[in-house]
Amino acid sequence: MNHDFIRLAHDMRRAHRLGLSFRIPAMTMRQLTALIAALDAPEFPTQLH
């Protein structure tokens, strides 16, 4: 399974901000570690001005 970890992290942050539930897809521990690393990184805006 391929996951876009940056997009997953963004979607999780967005759901948290909006108070929505979010279910992460099934993944291995290695993939989960990569997702946690993406969540630890600062979030960048989707548009640059």
N, C-alpha and C. Protein backbone atom coordinates (compact mmCIF):
# COMPACT_ATOMS: atom_id res chain seq x y z
N MET A 1 0.83 -1.18 0.00
CA MET A 1 0.00 0.00 0.00
C MET A 1 0.88 1.25 0.00
N ASN A 2 0.59 2.17 -0.88
CA ASN A 2 1.29 3.45 -0.91
C ASN A 2 0.42 4.51 -0.27
N HIS A 3 1.03 5.32 0.57
CA HIS A 3 0.30 6.39 1.23
C HIS A 3 1.04 7.70 0.98
N ASP A 4 0.30 8.77 0.82
CA ASP A 4 0.88 10.11 0.74
C ASP A 4 0.86 10.64 2.17
N PHE A 5 1.99 10.51 2.87
CA PHE A 5 2.03 10.84 4.29
C PHE A 5 1.82 12.32 4.56
N ILE A 6 2.31 13.17 3.68
CA ILE A 6 2.11 14.60 3.88
C ILE A 6 0.63 14.94 3.76
N ARG A 7 -0.04 14.35 2.79
CA ARG A 7 -1.48 14.60 2.64
C ARG A 7 -2.26 14.02 3.82
N LEU A 8 -1.90 12.82 4.26
CA LEU A 8 -2.56 12.24 5.43
C LEU A 8 -2.39 13.12 6.66
N ALA A 9 -1.17 13.62 6.86
CA ALA A 9 -0.92 14.50 8.01
C ALA A 9 -1.75 15.76 7.90
N HIS A 10 -1.83 16.34 6.70
CA HIS A 10 -2.64 17.54 6.48
C HIS A 10 -4.11 17.25 6.77
N ASP A 11 -4.61 16.14 6.26
CA ASP A 11 -6.02 15.77 6.48
C ASP A 11 -6.31 15.53 7.96
N MET A 12 -5.36 14.92 8.67
CA MET A 12 -5.55 14.69 10.11
C MET A 12 -5.59 16.00 10.87
N ARG A 13 -4.67 16.92 10.53
CA ARG A 13 -4.66 18.24 11.19
C ARG A 13 -5.96 18.98 10.93
N ARG A 14 -6.41 18.94 9.68
CA ARG A 14 -7.65 19.63 9.30
C ARG A 14 -8.84 19.07 10.08
N ALA A 15 -8.94 17.76 10.15
CA ALA A 15 -10.04 17.13 10.88
C ALA A 15 -9.99 17.51 12.36
N HIS A 16 -8.79 17.56 12.91
CA HIS A 16 -8.64 17.93 14.32
C HIS A 16 -9.09 19.37 14.55
N ARG A 17 -8.67 20.27 13.65
CA ARG A 17 -9.06 21.68 13.77
C ARG A 17 -10.56 21.86 13.70
N LEU A 18 -11.21 21.07 12.83
CA LEU A 18 -12.66 21.20 12.63
C LEU A 18 -13.47 20.34 13.60
N GLY A 19 -12.79 19.56 14.42
CA GLY A 19 -13.49 18.71 15.38
C GLY A 19 -14.16 17.50 14.73
N LEU A 20 -13.62 17.07 13.60
CA LEU A 20 -14.17 15.92 12.88
C LEU A 20 -13.37 14.66 13.21
N SER A 21 -14.02 13.53 13.12
CA SER A 21 -13.30 12.28 13.33
C SER A 21 -12.49 11.96 12.07
N PHE A 22 -11.40 11.26 12.26
CA PHE A 22 -10.55 10.87 11.14
C PHE A 22 -10.01 9.48 11.41
N ARG A 23 -10.16 8.61 10.47
CA ARG A 23 -9.67 7.24 10.62
C ARG A 23 -8.48 7.05 9.69
N ILE A 24 -7.34 6.71 10.27
CA ILE A 24 -6.17 6.47 9.43
C ILE A 24 -6.31 5.11 8.77
N PRO A 25 -5.81 4.99 7.55
CA PRO A 25 -5.91 3.71 6.85
C PRO A 25 -4.98 2.67 7.47
N ALA A 26 -5.22 1.43 7.16
CA ALA A 26 -4.35 0.35 7.64
C ALA A 26 -2.95 0.56 7.09
N MET A 27 -1.95 0.44 7.97
CA MET A 27 -0.57 0.61 7.53
C MET A 27 0.36 -0.15 8.46
N THR A 28 1.56 -0.36 7.96
CA THR A 28 2.58 -1.06 8.75
C THR A 28 3.17 -0.10 9.79
N MET A 29 3.93 -0.63 10.72
CA MET A 29 4.59 0.21 11.73
C MET A 29 5.57 1.18 11.07
N ARG A 30 6.25 0.73 10.04
CA ARG A 30 7.19 1.62 9.33
C ARG A 30 6.43 2.79 8.70
N GLN A 31 5.28 2.50 8.10
CA GLN A 31 4.47 3.56 7.51
C GLN A 31 3.90 4.48 8.58
N LEU A 32 3.49 3.91 9.70
CA LEU A 32 2.97 4.72 10.80
C LEU A 32 4.05 5.64 11.35
N THR A 33 5.28 5.15 11.43
CA THR A 33 6.40 5.98 11.87
C THR A 33 6.62 7.15 10.92
N ALA A 34 6.51 6.90 9.61
CA ALA A 34 6.66 7.98 8.63
C ALA A 34 5.53 9.00 8.78
N LEU A 35 4.32 8.54 9.06
CA LEU A 35 3.19 9.46 9.25
C LEU A 35 3.41 10.32 10.49
N ILE A 36 3.87 9.72 11.56
CA ILE A 36 4.14 10.49 12.79
C ILE A 36 5.23 11.53 12.54
N ALA A 37 6.24 11.18 11.77
CA ALA A 37 7.29 12.14 11.43
C ALA A 37 6.71 13.30 10.62
N ALA A 38 5.79 13.01 9.71
CA ALA A 38 5.14 14.07 8.93
C ALA A 38 4.29 14.96 9.82
N LEU A 39 3.67 14.38 10.83
CA LEU A 39 2.86 15.18 11.76
C LEU A 39 3.74 16.06 12.64
N ASP A 40 4.95 15.62 12.94
CA ASP A 40 5.87 16.41 13.75
C ASP A 40 6.44 17.60 12.99
N ALA A 41 6.46 17.51 11.67
CA ALA A 41 6.98 18.61 10.85
C ALA A 41 5.97 19.75 10.85
N PRO A 42 6.46 20.99 10.74
CA PRO A 42 5.52 22.12 10.71
C PRO A 42 4.65 22.07 9.46
N GLU A 43 3.42 22.51 9.62
CA GLU A 43 2.49 22.53 8.49
C GLU A 43 2.73 23.78 7.66
N PHE A 44 2.80 23.60 6.36
CA PHE A 44 2.98 24.73 5.46
C PHE A 44 1.65 25.05 4.80
N PRO A 45 1.39 26.31 4.53
CA PRO A 45 0.14 26.67 3.86
C PRO A 45 0.11 26.05 2.46
N THR A 46 -1.09 25.77 1.99
CA THR A 46 -1.21 25.14 0.67
C THR A 46 -1.01 26.15 -0.45
N GLN A 47 -1.17 27.44 -0.16
CA GLN A 47 -0.96 28.48 -1.17
C GLN A 47 0.12 29.43 -0.68
N LEU A 48 1.01 29.77 -1.57
CA LEU A 48 2.04 30.76 -1.25
C LEU A 48 1.64 32.07 -1.90
N HIS A 49 1.79 33.13 -1.17
CA HIS A 49 1.40 34.45 -1.71
C HIS A 49 2.63 35.22 -2.09
